[in-house]
């Protein structure tokens, strides 16, 4: 298998992927990448509905109604993943964590722009946002989240962009620990339904460009046979 540093394997895992299943695959691919057995790889998918809590999640940020939460080893706080949300897990060599996170955020900003939505960073807040209007009582609205972990110079976890997901899933939590902030999606911002399948090929292209890699498709079965 070609393992040159300029290559980026794109693996589509499908829809309704259980979080624990994808997390285990991440760990497997991470070990392979550390060992130099595979090239840089990105897993693209839609999760089955799940709340995940990063290392910085405070107790009061968790749902108070007994909703299950999966504690994970990424940075950041609590968030939701599920249908209608595009998730990308790049598993790749990273030398500058801050620059890497910025590239993930910029990828989502560019994808939003491709669909006519203006997104930006907000100082002190992770992810990318649609700007609110205080005069109209409209809060800033999070469109995409980032949470990563670097081990032995190789990344895990990644980014999640809201495409056509039901915003009510976020009502039980303060997304990413930010009280009073809103949550939106490409569909909500544009007034038309923009599904993950429409966004994914554009996100793949933008991510590869932002990471300076040459993308190529790899089937999940081939990845597991490495």
N, C-alpha and C. Protein backbone atom coordinates (compact mmCIF):
# COMPACT_ATOMS: atom_id res chain seq x y z
N UNK A 1 0.85 -1.20 0.00
CA UNK A 1 0.00 0.00 0.00
C UNK A 1 0.88 1.24 0.00
N UNK A 2 0.47 2.26 -0.74
CA UNK A 2 1.19 3.53 -0.78
C UNK A 2 1.04 4.22 0.56
N UNK A 3 2.14 4.59 1.19
CA UNK A 3 2.08 5.25 2.49
C UNK A 3 2.79 6.59 2.47
N UNK A 4 2.87 7.22 1.30
CA UNK A 4 3.52 8.51 1.19
C UNK A 4 2.79 9.57 1.99
N UNK A 5 3.51 10.56 2.48
CA UNK A 5 2.92 11.56 3.36
C UNK A 5 1.92 12.47 2.67
N UNK A 6 1.91 12.53 1.33
CA UNK A 6 1.00 13.44 0.64
C UNK A 6 -0.36 12.83 0.37
N UNK A 7 -0.54 11.57 0.70
CA UNK A 7 -1.79 10.87 0.39
C UNK A 7 -2.75 10.90 1.57
N UNK A 8 -4.05 10.95 1.27
CA UNK A 8 -5.08 10.97 2.30
C UNK A 8 -6.18 10.01 1.90
N UNK A 9 -6.32 8.91 2.63
CA UNK A 9 -7.36 7.93 2.35
C UNK A 9 -8.70 8.44 2.87
N UNK A 10 -9.70 8.43 2.01
CA UNK A 10 -11.06 8.83 2.37
C UNK A 10 -11.90 7.57 2.53
N UNK A 11 -12.39 7.34 3.74
CA UNK A 11 -13.17 6.14 4.05
C UNK A 11 -14.57 6.55 4.48
N UNK A 12 -15.58 6.15 3.75
CA UNK A 12 -16.97 6.46 4.11
C UNK A 12 -17.57 5.29 4.86
N UNK A 13 -17.95 5.52 6.08
CA UNK A 13 -18.47 4.45 6.94
C UNK A 13 -19.99 4.33 6.90
N UNK A 14 -20.67 5.31 6.28
CA UNK A 14 -22.12 5.19 6.16
C UNK A 14 -22.88 5.95 7.23
N UNK A 15 -24.11 5.50 7.48
CA UNK A 15 -25.02 6.19 8.39
C UNK A 15 -25.34 5.30 9.60
N UNK A 16 -25.87 5.94 10.65
CA UNK A 16 -26.27 5.25 11.88
C UNK A 16 -25.12 4.42 12.47
N UNK A 17 -23.90 4.93 12.35
CA UNK A 17 -22.74 4.21 12.88
C UNK A 17 -22.68 4.39 14.40
N UNK A 18 -22.72 3.31 15.18
CA UNK A 18 -22.61 3.45 16.64
C UNK A 18 -21.29 4.12 17.02
N UNK A 19 -21.34 5.03 17.98
CA UNK A 19 -20.14 5.77 18.34
C UNK A 19 -19.01 4.84 18.77
N UNK A 20 -19.34 3.86 19.61
CA UNK A 20 -18.30 2.97 20.12
C UNK A 20 -17.61 2.20 19.00
N UNK A 21 -18.38 1.84 17.97
CA UNK A 21 -17.81 1.12 16.83
C UNK A 21 -16.80 2.00 16.09
N UNK A 22 -17.18 3.24 15.84
CA UNK A 22 -16.28 4.16 15.14
C UNK A 22 -15.06 4.49 15.99
N UNK A 23 -15.27 4.60 17.29
CA UNK A 23 -14.16 4.91 18.21
C UNK A 23 -13.14 3.77 18.20
N UNK A 24 -13.63 2.53 18.19
CA UNK A 24 -12.72 1.39 18.15
C UNK A 24 -11.96 1.36 16.83
N UNK A 25 -12.64 1.68 15.72
CA UNK A 25 -11.96 1.71 14.44
C UNK A 25 -10.91 2.81 14.42
N UNK A 26 -11.24 3.95 15.02
CA UNK A 26 -10.25 5.01 15.13
C UNK A 26 -8.98 4.53 15.84
N UNK A 27 -9.18 3.84 16.95
CA UNK A 27 -8.02 3.36 17.72
C UNK A 27 -7.19 2.37 16.90
N UNK A 28 -7.87 1.53 16.13
CA UNK A 28 -7.16 0.56 15.30
C UNK A 28 -6.34 1.26 14.22
N UNK A 29 -6.98 2.21 13.52
CA UNK A 29 -6.29 2.93 12.46
C UNK A 29 -5.18 3.80 13.04
N UNK A 30 -5.43 4.37 14.21
CA UNK A 30 -4.40 5.19 14.87
C UNK A 30 -3.14 4.37 15.12
N UNK A 31 -3.30 3.17 15.64
CA UNK A 31 -2.14 2.31 15.90
C UNK A 31 -1.42 1.98 14.59
N UNK A 32 -2.20 1.74 13.53
CA UNK A 32 -1.60 1.45 12.23
C UNK A 32 -0.84 2.66 11.69
N UNK A 33 -1.41 3.86 11.90
CA UNK A 33 -0.74 5.07 11.40
C UNK A 33 0.54 5.34 12.18
N UNK A 34 0.49 5.16 13.50
CA UNK A 34 1.69 5.35 14.31
C UNK A 34 2.80 4.40 13.84
N UNK A 35 2.41 3.18 13.49
CA UNK A 35 3.38 2.17 13.05
C UNK A 35 3.80 2.35 11.59
N UNK A 36 3.17 3.30 10.89
CA UNK A 36 3.52 3.53 9.48
C UNK A 36 2.94 2.50 8.54
N UNK A 37 1.90 1.79 8.97
CA UNK A 37 1.30 0.75 8.14
C UNK A 37 0.24 1.28 7.18
N UNK A 38 -0.28 2.47 7.47
CA UNK A 38 -1.28 3.09 6.59
C UNK A 38 -0.91 4.55 6.39
N UNK A 39 -1.45 5.14 5.36
CA UNK A 39 -1.27 6.56 5.12
C UNK A 39 -2.23 7.35 6.01
N UNK A 40 -2.14 8.68 5.98
CA UNK A 40 -3.12 9.51 6.66
C UNK A 40 -4.51 9.14 6.16
N UNK A 41 -5.47 9.08 7.09
CA UNK A 41 -6.80 8.54 6.78
C UNK A 41 -7.87 9.41 7.43
N UNK A 42 -8.99 9.58 6.72
CA UNK A 42 -10.14 10.27 7.31
C UNK A 42 -11.36 9.37 7.22
N UNK A 43 -12.04 9.20 8.34
CA UNK A 43 -13.29 8.45 8.39
C UNK A 43 -14.44 9.45 8.32
N UNK A 44 -15.31 9.32 7.33
CA UNK A 44 -16.50 10.16 7.20
C UNK A 44 -17.73 9.32 7.52
N UNK A 45 -18.68 9.89 8.27
CA UNK A 45 -19.83 9.11 8.69
C UNK A 45 -20.93 9.97 9.27
N UNK A 46 -22.09 9.35 9.47
CA UNK A 46 -23.16 9.88 10.31
C UNK A 46 -23.33 8.91 11.47
N UNK A 47 -23.33 9.42 12.68
CA UNK A 47 -23.49 8.56 13.85
C UNK A 47 -24.97 8.26 14.13
N UNK A 48 -25.21 7.13 14.78
CA UNK A 48 -26.48 6.95 15.48
C UNK A 48 -26.49 7.98 16.63
N UNK A 49 -27.67 8.43 17.08
CA UNK A 49 -27.71 9.51 18.07
C UNK A 49 -26.91 9.17 19.34
N UNK A 50 -26.07 10.13 19.77
CA UNK A 50 -25.23 9.90 20.94
C UNK A 50 -24.75 11.24 21.49
N UNK A 51 -24.67 11.32 22.83
CA UNK A 51 -23.99 12.44 23.48
C UNK A 51 -22.61 11.97 23.91
N UNK A 52 -21.60 12.79 23.61
CA UNK A 52 -20.24 12.45 24.03
C UNK A 52 -19.66 13.61 24.83
N UNK A 53 -18.90 13.26 25.87
CA UNK A 53 -18.33 14.27 26.76
C UNK A 53 -16.82 14.20 26.71
N UNK A 54 -16.19 15.31 26.30
CA UNK A 54 -14.74 15.41 26.31
C UNK A 54 -14.21 15.63 27.72
N UNK A 55 -12.90 15.71 27.82
CA UNK A 55 -12.24 15.74 29.13
C UNK A 55 -12.59 16.99 29.95
N UNK A 56 -13.00 18.07 29.30
CA UNK A 56 -13.27 19.32 30.02
C UNK A 56 -14.73 19.47 30.42
N UNK A 57 -15.55 18.45 30.19
CA UNK A 57 -16.98 18.54 30.50
C UNK A 57 -17.21 18.64 32.01
N UNK A 58 -17.96 19.65 32.42
CA UNK A 58 -18.33 19.81 33.83
C UNK A 58 -19.62 19.05 34.11
N UNK A 59 -19.80 18.72 35.39
CA UNK A 59 -20.96 17.92 35.78
C UNK A 59 -22.28 18.56 35.41
N UNK A 60 -22.39 19.90 35.58
CA UNK A 60 -23.67 20.57 35.30
C UNK A 60 -23.99 20.66 33.83
N UNK A 61 -23.02 20.37 32.96
CA UNK A 61 -23.24 20.44 31.53
C UNK A 61 -23.89 19.18 30.97
N UNK A 62 -23.93 18.13 31.77
CA UNK A 62 -24.51 16.87 31.32
C UNK A 62 -26.04 16.91 31.43
N UNK A 63 -26.74 16.09 30.63
CA UNK A 63 -28.20 16.03 30.75
C UNK A 63 -28.60 15.62 32.17
N UNK A 64 -29.67 16.23 32.68
CA UNK A 64 -30.10 15.92 34.04
C UNK A 64 -31.30 14.99 34.06
N UNK A 65 -31.60 14.38 32.90
CA UNK A 65 -32.77 13.49 32.81
C UNK A 65 -32.38 12.03 32.64
N UNK A 66 -31.10 11.73 32.92
CA UNK A 66 -30.65 10.34 32.81
C UNK A 66 -30.24 9.91 31.43
N UNK A 67 -30.23 10.83 30.46
CA UNK A 67 -29.80 10.51 29.11
C UNK A 67 -28.36 9.98 29.13
N UNK A 68 -28.09 8.83 28.51
CA UNK A 68 -26.73 8.28 28.53
C UNK A 68 -25.74 9.20 27.83
N UNK A 69 -24.53 9.25 28.38
CA UNK A 69 -23.44 10.04 27.81
C UNK A 69 -22.20 9.15 27.74
N UNK A 70 -21.50 9.18 26.60
CA UNK A 70 -20.26 8.43 26.44
C UNK A 70 -19.09 9.36 26.75
N UNK A 71 -18.29 9.02 27.75
CA UNK A 71 -17.10 9.81 28.06
C UNK A 71 -15.97 9.40 27.12
N UNK A 72 -15.35 10.40 26.48
CA UNK A 72 -14.32 10.12 25.49
C UNK A 72 -13.03 10.85 25.84
N UNK A 73 -11.96 10.47 25.14
CA UNK A 73 -10.63 10.98 25.47
C UNK A 73 -10.21 12.17 24.63
N UNK A 74 -11.16 12.82 23.95
CA UNK A 74 -10.82 14.00 23.16
C UNK A 74 -10.82 15.24 24.05
N UNK A 75 -10.34 16.35 23.47
CA UNK A 75 -10.49 17.62 24.14
C UNK A 75 -11.92 18.14 24.01
N UNK A 76 -12.17 19.29 24.62
CA UNK A 76 -13.49 19.90 24.52
C UNK A 76 -14.46 19.38 25.56
N UNK A 77 -15.74 19.71 25.37
CA UNK A 77 -16.76 19.41 26.35
C UNK A 77 -17.83 18.51 25.73
N UNK A 78 -19.06 18.68 26.20
CA UNK A 78 -20.12 17.77 25.75
C UNK A 78 -20.71 18.23 24.43
N UNK A 79 -21.09 17.27 23.61
CA UNK A 79 -21.77 17.58 22.35
C UNK A 79 -22.65 16.40 21.95
N UNK A 80 -23.33 16.56 20.84
CA UNK A 80 -24.21 15.52 20.32
C UNK A 80 -23.77 15.17 18.91
N UNK A 81 -23.89 13.90 18.55
CA UNK A 81 -23.70 13.45 17.18
C UNK A 81 -24.90 12.60 16.79
N UNK A 82 -25.26 12.66 15.50
CA UNK A 82 -26.37 11.84 15.06
C UNK A 82 -26.77 12.12 13.63
N UNK A 83 -27.93 11.60 13.22
CA UNK A 83 -28.38 11.73 11.83
C UNK A 83 -28.47 13.18 11.39
N UNK A 84 -28.05 13.43 10.16
CA UNK A 84 -28.08 14.78 9.62
C UNK A 84 -26.85 15.60 9.91
N UNK A 85 -25.90 15.02 10.62
CA UNK A 85 -24.65 15.72 10.96
C UNK A 85 -23.48 14.97 10.32
N UNK A 86 -22.64 15.69 9.60
CA UNK A 86 -21.46 15.10 8.98
C UNK A 86 -20.30 15.11 9.96
N UNK A 87 -19.75 13.93 10.23
CA UNK A 87 -18.62 13.78 11.14
C UNK A 87 -17.41 13.32 10.34
N UNK A 88 -16.27 13.92 10.62
CA UNK A 88 -15.01 13.53 9.98
C UNK A 88 -13.96 13.30 11.05
N UNK A 89 -13.33 12.13 11.01
CA UNK A 89 -12.27 11.79 11.95
C UNK A 89 -10.95 11.62 11.18
N UNK A 90 -10.15 12.68 11.07
CA UNK A 90 -8.84 12.52 10.45
C UNK A 90 -7.87 11.82 11.41
N UNK A 91 -7.21 10.81 10.90
CA UNK A 91 -6.20 10.09 11.67
C UNK A 91 -4.90 10.27 10.90
N UNK A 92 -4.10 11.24 11.33
CA UNK A 92 -2.98 11.67 10.52
C UNK A 92 -1.87 12.25 11.40
N UNK A 93 -0.69 12.30 10.84
CA UNK A 93 0.44 12.89 11.56
C UNK A 93 0.25 14.40 11.65
N UNK A 94 0.42 14.93 12.85
CA UNK A 94 0.22 16.36 13.12
C UNK A 94 1.42 16.87 13.93
N UNK A 95 2.00 17.96 13.50
CA UNK A 95 3.14 18.54 14.22
C UNK A 95 2.78 19.78 15.03
N UNK A 96 1.69 20.45 14.66
CA UNK A 96 1.27 21.68 15.33
C UNK A 96 -0.22 21.58 15.63
N UNK A 97 -0.57 21.32 16.88
CA UNK A 97 -1.97 21.07 17.23
C UNK A 97 -2.85 22.29 16.99
N UNK A 98 -2.37 23.47 17.35
CA UNK A 98 -3.17 24.68 17.17
C UNK A 98 -3.45 24.93 15.69
N UNK A 99 -2.42 24.78 14.87
CA UNK A 99 -2.59 24.96 13.43
C UNK A 99 -3.55 23.92 12.87
N UNK A 100 -3.47 22.72 13.35
CA UNK A 100 -4.33 21.64 12.87
C UNK A 100 -5.80 21.93 13.18
N UNK A 101 -6.08 22.33 14.42
CA UNK A 101 -7.46 22.67 14.78
C UNK A 101 -7.97 23.82 13.91
N UNK A 102 -7.10 24.80 13.68
CA UNK A 102 -7.49 25.92 12.83
C UNK A 102 -7.83 25.48 11.42
N UNK A 103 -7.11 24.47 10.91
CA UNK A 103 -7.38 23.97 9.56
C UNK A 103 -8.72 23.23 9.51
N UNK A 104 -9.07 22.52 10.57
CA UNK A 104 -10.38 21.86 10.62
C UNK A 104 -11.49 22.90 10.64
N UNK A 105 -11.31 23.94 11.46
CA UNK A 105 -12.32 25.00 11.51
C UNK A 105 -12.43 25.71 10.16
N UNK A 106 -11.30 26.00 9.53
CA UNK A 106 -11.33 26.68 8.23
C UNK A 106 -11.99 25.80 7.17
N UNK A 107 -11.80 24.50 7.27
CA UNK A 107 -12.48 23.59 6.34
C UNK A 107 -13.99 23.77 6.42
N UNK A 108 -14.52 23.79 7.65
CA UNK A 108 -15.96 23.95 7.82
C UNK A 108 -16.43 25.32 7.37
N UNK A 109 -15.63 26.35 7.61
CA UNK A 109 -16.00 27.69 7.15
C UNK A 109 -16.12 27.71 5.63
N UNK A 110 -15.18 27.07 4.95
CA UNK A 110 -15.22 27.04 3.49
C UNK A 110 -16.40 26.22 2.98
N UNK A 111 -16.69 25.10 3.64
CA UNK A 111 -17.84 24.29 3.22
C UNK A 111 -19.13 25.08 3.40
N UNK A 112 -19.26 25.77 4.52
CA UNK A 112 -20.45 26.60 4.72
C UNK A 112 -20.57 27.63 3.60
N UNK A 113 -19.46 28.27 3.25
CA UNK A 113 -19.48 29.27 2.18
C UNK A 113 -19.90 28.65 0.85
N UNK A 114 -19.51 27.41 0.61
CA UNK A 114 -19.89 26.72 -0.62
C UNK A 114 -21.41 26.59 -0.72
N UNK A 115 -22.08 26.60 0.41
CA UNK A 115 -23.54 26.49 0.42
C UNK A 115 -24.22 27.83 0.73
N UNK A 116 -23.44 28.91 0.63
CA UNK A 116 -24.01 30.24 0.80
C UNK A 116 -24.23 30.66 2.23
N UNK A 117 -23.56 30.01 3.17
CA UNK A 117 -23.71 30.32 4.59
C UNK A 117 -22.41 30.93 5.10
N UNK A 118 -22.51 32.08 5.76
CA UNK A 118 -21.34 32.73 6.33
C UNK A 118 -21.09 32.21 7.73
N UNK A 119 -19.95 31.58 7.93
CA UNK A 119 -19.56 31.06 9.24
C UNK A 119 -18.21 31.66 9.61
N UNK A 120 -17.96 31.78 10.90
CA UNK A 120 -16.70 32.35 11.35
C UNK A 120 -16.34 31.79 12.72
N UNK A 121 -15.12 32.06 13.14
CA UNK A 121 -14.70 31.74 14.50
C UNK A 121 -15.16 32.85 15.44
N UNK A 122 -15.35 32.51 16.69
CA UNK A 122 -15.64 33.50 17.74
C UNK A 122 -14.59 33.32 18.82
N UNK A 123 -13.92 34.39 19.18
CA UNK A 123 -12.84 34.34 20.15
C UNK A 123 -13.30 33.69 21.45
N UNK A 124 -12.55 32.70 21.90
CA UNK A 124 -12.87 32.03 23.15
C UNK A 124 -13.85 30.88 23.01
N UNK A 125 -14.32 30.63 21.78
CA UNK A 125 -15.26 29.55 21.55
C UNK A 125 -14.71 28.62 20.47
N UNK A 126 -14.83 27.34 20.71
CA UNK A 126 -14.38 26.37 19.71
C UNK A 126 -15.40 26.26 18.60
N UNK A 127 -14.98 25.75 17.46
CA UNK A 127 -15.90 25.49 16.37
C UNK A 127 -16.12 26.69 15.49
N UNK A 128 -17.17 26.61 14.65
CA UNK A 128 -17.51 27.70 13.73
C UNK A 128 -18.97 28.09 13.94
N UNK A 129 -19.26 29.38 13.68
CA UNK A 129 -20.51 29.97 14.11
C UNK A 129 -21.14 30.85 13.04
N UNK A 130 -22.47 30.90 13.04
CA UNK A 130 -23.21 31.93 12.34
C UNK A 130 -23.45 33.06 13.33
N UNK A 131 -23.18 34.28 12.91
CA UNK A 131 -23.23 35.42 13.82
C UNK A 131 -24.66 35.81 14.13
N UNK A 132 -24.92 36.07 15.41
CA UNK A 132 -26.24 36.50 15.84
C UNK A 132 -26.46 38.00 15.68
N UNK A 133 -27.63 38.44 16.08
CA UNK A 133 -27.99 39.86 16.02
C UNK A 133 -28.71 40.20 17.31
N UNK A 134 -28.01 40.91 18.21
CA UNK A 134 -28.58 41.23 19.52
C UNK A 134 -29.85 42.05 19.39
N UNK A 135 -29.89 42.93 18.40
CA UNK A 135 -31.07 43.79 18.23
C UNK A 135 -32.31 42.98 17.92
N UNK A 136 -32.11 41.82 17.29
CA UNK A 136 -33.25 40.96 16.95
C UNK A 136 -33.43 39.83 17.96
N UNK A 137 -32.59 39.82 19.00
CA UNK A 137 -32.65 38.75 19.98
C UNK A 137 -32.18 37.42 19.43
N UNK A 138 -31.32 37.48 18.41
CA UNK A 138 -30.84 36.27 17.75
C UNK A 138 -29.43 35.95 18.25
N UNK A 139 -29.23 34.79 18.90
CA UNK A 139 -27.92 34.46 19.44
C UNK A 139 -26.96 33.98 18.35
N UNK A 140 -25.66 33.97 18.69
CA UNK A 140 -24.71 33.27 17.83
C UNK A 140 -25.11 31.81 17.78
N UNK A 141 -24.94 31.17 16.62
CA UNK A 141 -25.41 29.80 16.44
C UNK A 141 -24.25 28.93 15.96
N UNK A 142 -23.99 27.86 16.69
CA UNK A 142 -22.90 26.98 16.33
C UNK A 142 -23.31 26.08 15.16
N UNK A 143 -22.48 26.10 14.13
CA UNK A 143 -22.71 25.25 12.95
C UNK A 143 -21.83 24.02 12.95
N UNK A 144 -20.64 24.14 13.52
CA UNK A 144 -19.70 23.02 13.51
C UNK A 144 -18.83 23.02 14.75
N UNK A 145 -18.46 21.82 15.19
CA UNK A 145 -17.66 21.66 16.40
C UNK A 145 -16.37 20.92 16.08
N UNK A 146 -15.33 21.17 16.88
CA UNK A 146 -14.05 20.50 16.75
C UNK A 146 -13.63 19.96 18.10
N UNK A 147 -13.16 18.72 18.13
CA UNK A 147 -12.59 18.13 19.33
C UNK A 147 -11.58 17.09 18.91
N UNK A 148 -10.33 17.25 19.31
CA UNK A 148 -9.29 16.36 18.83
C UNK A 148 -8.44 15.83 19.99
N UNK A 149 -7.68 14.81 19.68
CA UNK A 149 -6.68 14.26 20.59
C UNK A 149 -5.46 13.87 19.77
N UNK A 150 -4.28 14.20 20.27
CA UNK A 150 -3.03 13.81 19.62
C UNK A 150 -2.28 12.84 20.53
N UNK A 151 -1.94 11.68 20.00
CA UNK A 151 -1.15 10.68 20.72
C UNK A 151 -0.03 10.22 19.80
N UNK A 152 1.19 10.33 20.28
CA UNK A 152 2.36 9.92 19.49
C UNK A 152 2.40 10.63 18.14
N UNK A 153 1.95 11.88 18.14
CA UNK A 153 2.02 12.68 16.93
C UNK A 153 0.96 12.39 15.90
N UNK A 154 -0.04 11.59 16.25
CA UNK A 154 -1.11 11.22 15.32
C UNK A 154 -2.46 11.61 15.93
N UNK A 155 -3.33 12.21 15.12
CA UNK A 155 -4.61 12.73 15.59
C UNK A 155 -5.69 11.67 15.67
N UNK A 156 -6.66 11.95 16.54
CA UNK A 156 -7.91 11.19 16.61
C UNK A 156 -9.06 12.18 16.78
N UNK A 157 -10.29 11.67 16.64
CA UNK A 157 -11.50 12.49 16.70
C UNK A 157 -11.43 13.54 15.59
N UNK A 158 -12.11 14.68 15.71
CA UNK A 158 -12.06 15.60 14.58
C UNK A 158 -13.13 16.66 14.60
N UNK A 159 -14.00 16.66 13.57
CA UNK A 159 -14.95 17.76 13.41
C UNK A 159 -16.34 17.22 13.07
N UNK A 160 -17.34 18.03 13.38
CA UNK A 160 -18.72 17.67 13.09
C UNK A 160 -19.44 18.90 12.58
N UNK A 161 -20.09 18.79 11.42
CA UNK A 161 -20.78 19.91 10.79
C UNK A 161 -22.27 19.60 10.69
N UNK A 162 -23.09 20.50 11.21
CA UNK A 162 -24.54 20.31 11.19
C UNK A 162 -25.09 20.60 9.80
N UNK A 163 -25.71 19.59 9.21
CA UNK A 163 -26.25 19.73 7.85
C UNK A 163 -27.77 19.78 7.87
N UNK A 164 -28.40 18.71 8.34
CA UNK A 164 -29.87 18.67 8.36
C UNK A 164 -30.36 17.99 9.63
N UNK A 165 -29.61 18.12 10.72
CA UNK A 165 -29.99 17.44 11.96
C UNK A 165 -31.06 18.21 12.72
N UNK A 166 -31.78 17.50 13.57
CA UNK A 166 -32.84 18.08 14.40
C UNK A 166 -32.18 18.83 15.56
N UNK A 167 -32.35 20.15 15.66
CA UNK A 167 -31.68 20.92 16.71
C UNK A 167 -32.17 20.60 18.11
N UNK A 168 -33.31 19.94 18.22
CA UNK A 168 -33.85 19.65 19.55
C UNK A 168 -32.96 18.69 20.35
N UNK A 169 -32.09 17.94 19.65
CA UNK A 169 -31.16 17.06 20.37
C UNK A 169 -30.25 17.86 21.30
N UNK A 170 -30.01 19.12 20.95
CA UNK A 170 -29.09 19.94 21.75
C UNK A 170 -29.78 20.60 22.94
N UNK A 171 -31.09 20.45 23.05
CA UNK A 171 -31.82 21.13 24.11
C UNK A 171 -31.47 20.60 25.50
N UNK A 172 -30.98 19.36 25.58
CA UNK A 172 -30.68 18.75 26.87
C UNK A 172 -29.31 19.13 27.41
N UNK A 173 -28.51 19.82 26.60
CA UNK A 173 -27.14 20.14 26.98
C UNK A 173 -26.80 21.59 26.62
N UNK A 174 -25.69 22.08 27.16
CA UNK A 174 -25.08 23.30 26.67
C UNK A 174 -24.00 22.86 25.68
N UNK A 175 -24.26 22.95 24.38
CA UNK A 175 -23.30 22.41 23.41
C UNK A 175 -21.91 22.99 23.61
N UNK A 176 -20.93 22.09 23.74
CA UNK A 176 -19.54 22.48 23.95
C UNK A 176 -19.37 23.34 25.20
N UNK A 177 -20.33 23.23 26.14
CA UNK A 177 -20.21 23.94 27.40
C UNK A 177 -20.50 25.42 27.31
N UNK A 178 -21.16 25.88 26.26
CA UNK A 178 -21.40 27.30 26.05
C UNK A 178 -22.86 27.61 26.33
N UNK A 179 -23.13 28.13 27.52
CA UNK A 179 -24.50 28.42 27.93
C UNK A 179 -25.06 29.58 27.12
N UNK A 180 -26.32 29.45 26.71
CA UNK A 180 -27.00 30.53 26.03
C UNK A 180 -26.72 30.63 24.55
N UNK A 181 -25.82 29.80 24.06
CA UNK A 181 -25.52 29.83 22.63
C UNK A 181 -26.55 29.00 21.86
N UNK A 182 -26.78 29.38 20.63
CA UNK A 182 -27.70 28.63 19.80
C UNK A 182 -26.98 27.59 18.98
N UNK A 183 -27.77 26.73 18.34
CA UNK A 183 -27.25 25.72 17.43
C UNK A 183 -28.04 25.82 16.14
N UNK A 184 -27.35 25.70 15.02
CA UNK A 184 -28.04 25.77 13.74
C UNK A 184 -27.42 24.74 12.79
N UNK A 185 -27.87 24.78 11.55
CA UNK A 185 -27.40 23.84 10.54
C UNK A 185 -27.41 24.53 9.19
N UNK A 186 -26.78 23.92 8.21
CA UNK A 186 -26.82 24.46 6.86
C UNK A 186 -28.27 24.57 6.37
N UNK A 187 -29.08 23.56 6.68
CA UNK A 187 -30.48 23.58 6.25
C UNK A 187 -31.24 24.74 6.88
N UNK A 188 -31.05 24.92 8.20
CA UNK A 188 -31.77 25.99 8.90
C UNK A 188 -31.35 27.37 8.41
N UNK A 189 -30.06 27.53 8.11
CA UNK A 189 -29.56 28.84 7.70
C UNK A 189 -29.98 29.19 6.27
N UNK A 190 -30.14 28.20 5.42
CA UNK A 190 -30.47 28.47 4.02
C UNK A 190 -31.96 28.35 3.72
N UNK A 191 -32.68 27.68 4.59
CA UNK A 191 -34.11 27.49 4.33
C UNK A 191 -34.42 26.37 3.36
N UNK A 192 -33.42 25.56 3.03
CA UNK A 192 -33.65 24.38 2.20
C UNK A 192 -32.92 23.20 2.81
N UNK A 193 -33.43 22.02 2.55
CA UNK A 193 -32.83 20.83 3.15
C UNK A 193 -31.51 20.47 2.46
N UNK A 194 -30.43 20.48 3.23
CA UNK A 194 -29.10 20.14 2.71
C UNK A 194 -28.62 18.92 3.49
N UNK A 195 -28.65 17.77 2.84
CA UNK A 195 -28.36 16.52 3.54
C UNK A 195 -26.87 16.22 3.50
N UNK A 196 -26.45 15.29 4.35
CA UNK A 196 -25.04 14.95 4.47
C UNK A 196 -24.47 14.46 3.14
N UNK A 197 -25.23 13.66 2.40
CA UNK A 197 -24.72 13.14 1.13
C UNK A 197 -24.37 14.25 0.15
N UNK A 198 -25.06 15.38 0.24
CA UNK A 198 -24.76 16.52 -0.62
C UNK A 198 -23.50 17.25 -0.17
N UNK A 199 -23.28 17.27 1.13
CA UNK A 199 -22.16 18.01 1.70
C UNK A 199 -20.85 17.21 1.66
N UNK A 200 -20.95 15.89 1.81
CA UNK A 200 -19.76 15.07 2.01
C UNK A 200 -18.69 15.23 0.93
N UNK A 201 -19.03 15.12 -0.37
CA UNK A 201 -17.95 15.24 -1.37
C UNK A 201 -17.26 16.59 -1.35
N UNK A 202 -18.01 17.63 -1.03
CA UNK A 202 -17.40 18.97 -0.94
C UNK A 202 -16.51 19.05 0.29
N UNK A 203 -16.97 18.49 1.39
CA UNK A 203 -16.16 18.49 2.62
C UNK A 203 -14.88 17.69 2.43
N UNK A 204 -14.97 16.56 1.72
CA UNK A 204 -13.78 15.75 1.46
C UNK A 204 -12.75 16.56 0.67
N UNK A 205 -13.21 17.26 -0.35
CA UNK A 205 -12.32 18.07 -1.19
C UNK A 205 -11.70 19.20 -0.38
N UNK A 206 -12.53 19.92 0.36
CA UNK A 206 -12.03 21.05 1.14
C UNK A 206 -11.05 20.61 2.23
N UNK A 207 -11.35 19.50 2.88
CA UNK A 207 -10.47 19.03 3.95
C UNK A 207 -9.11 18.63 3.39
N UNK A 208 -9.11 17.89 2.29
CA UNK A 208 -7.85 17.49 1.68
C UNK A 208 -7.02 18.71 1.27
N UNK A 209 -7.69 19.70 0.68
CA UNK A 209 -6.98 20.93 0.31
C UNK A 209 -6.39 21.63 1.52
N UNK A 210 -7.18 21.74 2.58
CA UNK A 210 -6.73 22.46 3.77
C UNK A 210 -5.58 21.73 4.46
N UNK A 211 -5.57 20.42 4.37
CA UNK A 211 -4.51 19.63 5.01
C UNK A 211 -3.32 19.42 4.09
N UNK A 212 -3.43 19.87 2.83
CA UNK A 212 -2.33 19.72 1.90
C UNK A 212 -2.07 18.28 1.50
N UNK A 213 -3.14 17.51 1.35
CA UNK A 213 -3.03 16.10 1.02
C UNK A 213 -3.74 15.79 -0.29
N UNK A 214 -3.34 14.70 -0.92
CA UNK A 214 -3.99 14.22 -2.14
C UNK A 214 -4.97 13.12 -1.76
N UNK A 215 -6.28 13.35 -1.92
CA UNK A 215 -7.27 12.36 -1.47
C UNK A 215 -7.43 11.20 -2.43
N UNK A 216 -7.71 10.03 -1.89
CA UNK A 216 -8.10 8.88 -2.69
C UNK A 216 -9.07 8.05 -1.86
N UNK A 217 -9.98 7.35 -2.52
CA UNK A 217 -11.00 6.60 -1.83
C UNK A 217 -10.48 5.24 -1.38
N UNK A 218 -10.88 4.84 -0.19
CA UNK A 218 -10.56 3.51 0.32
C UNK A 218 -11.82 2.92 0.94
N UNK A 219 -12.11 1.67 0.66
CA UNK A 219 -13.27 1.02 1.25
C UNK A 219 -12.94 0.56 2.68
N UNK A 220 -13.95 0.58 3.52
CA UNK A 220 -13.75 0.17 4.90
C UNK A 220 -13.18 -1.23 5.00
N UNK A 221 -13.63 -2.12 4.13
CA UNK A 221 -13.16 -3.49 4.17
C UNK A 221 -11.64 -3.56 3.90
N UNK A 222 -11.17 -2.72 2.99
CA UNK A 222 -9.74 -2.69 2.69
C UNK A 222 -8.95 -2.14 3.87
N UNK A 223 -9.52 -1.17 4.54
CA UNK A 223 -8.84 -0.59 5.70
C UNK A 223 -8.69 -1.64 6.81
N UNK A 224 -9.73 -2.42 7.02
CA UNK A 224 -9.70 -3.42 8.07
C UNK A 224 -8.77 -4.59 7.74
N UNK A 225 -8.44 -4.75 6.46
CA UNK A 225 -7.56 -5.87 6.06
C UNK A 225 -6.08 -5.52 6.17
N UNK A 226 -5.80 -4.23 6.42
CA UNK A 226 -4.39 -3.81 6.49
C UNK A 226 -3.68 -4.54 7.63
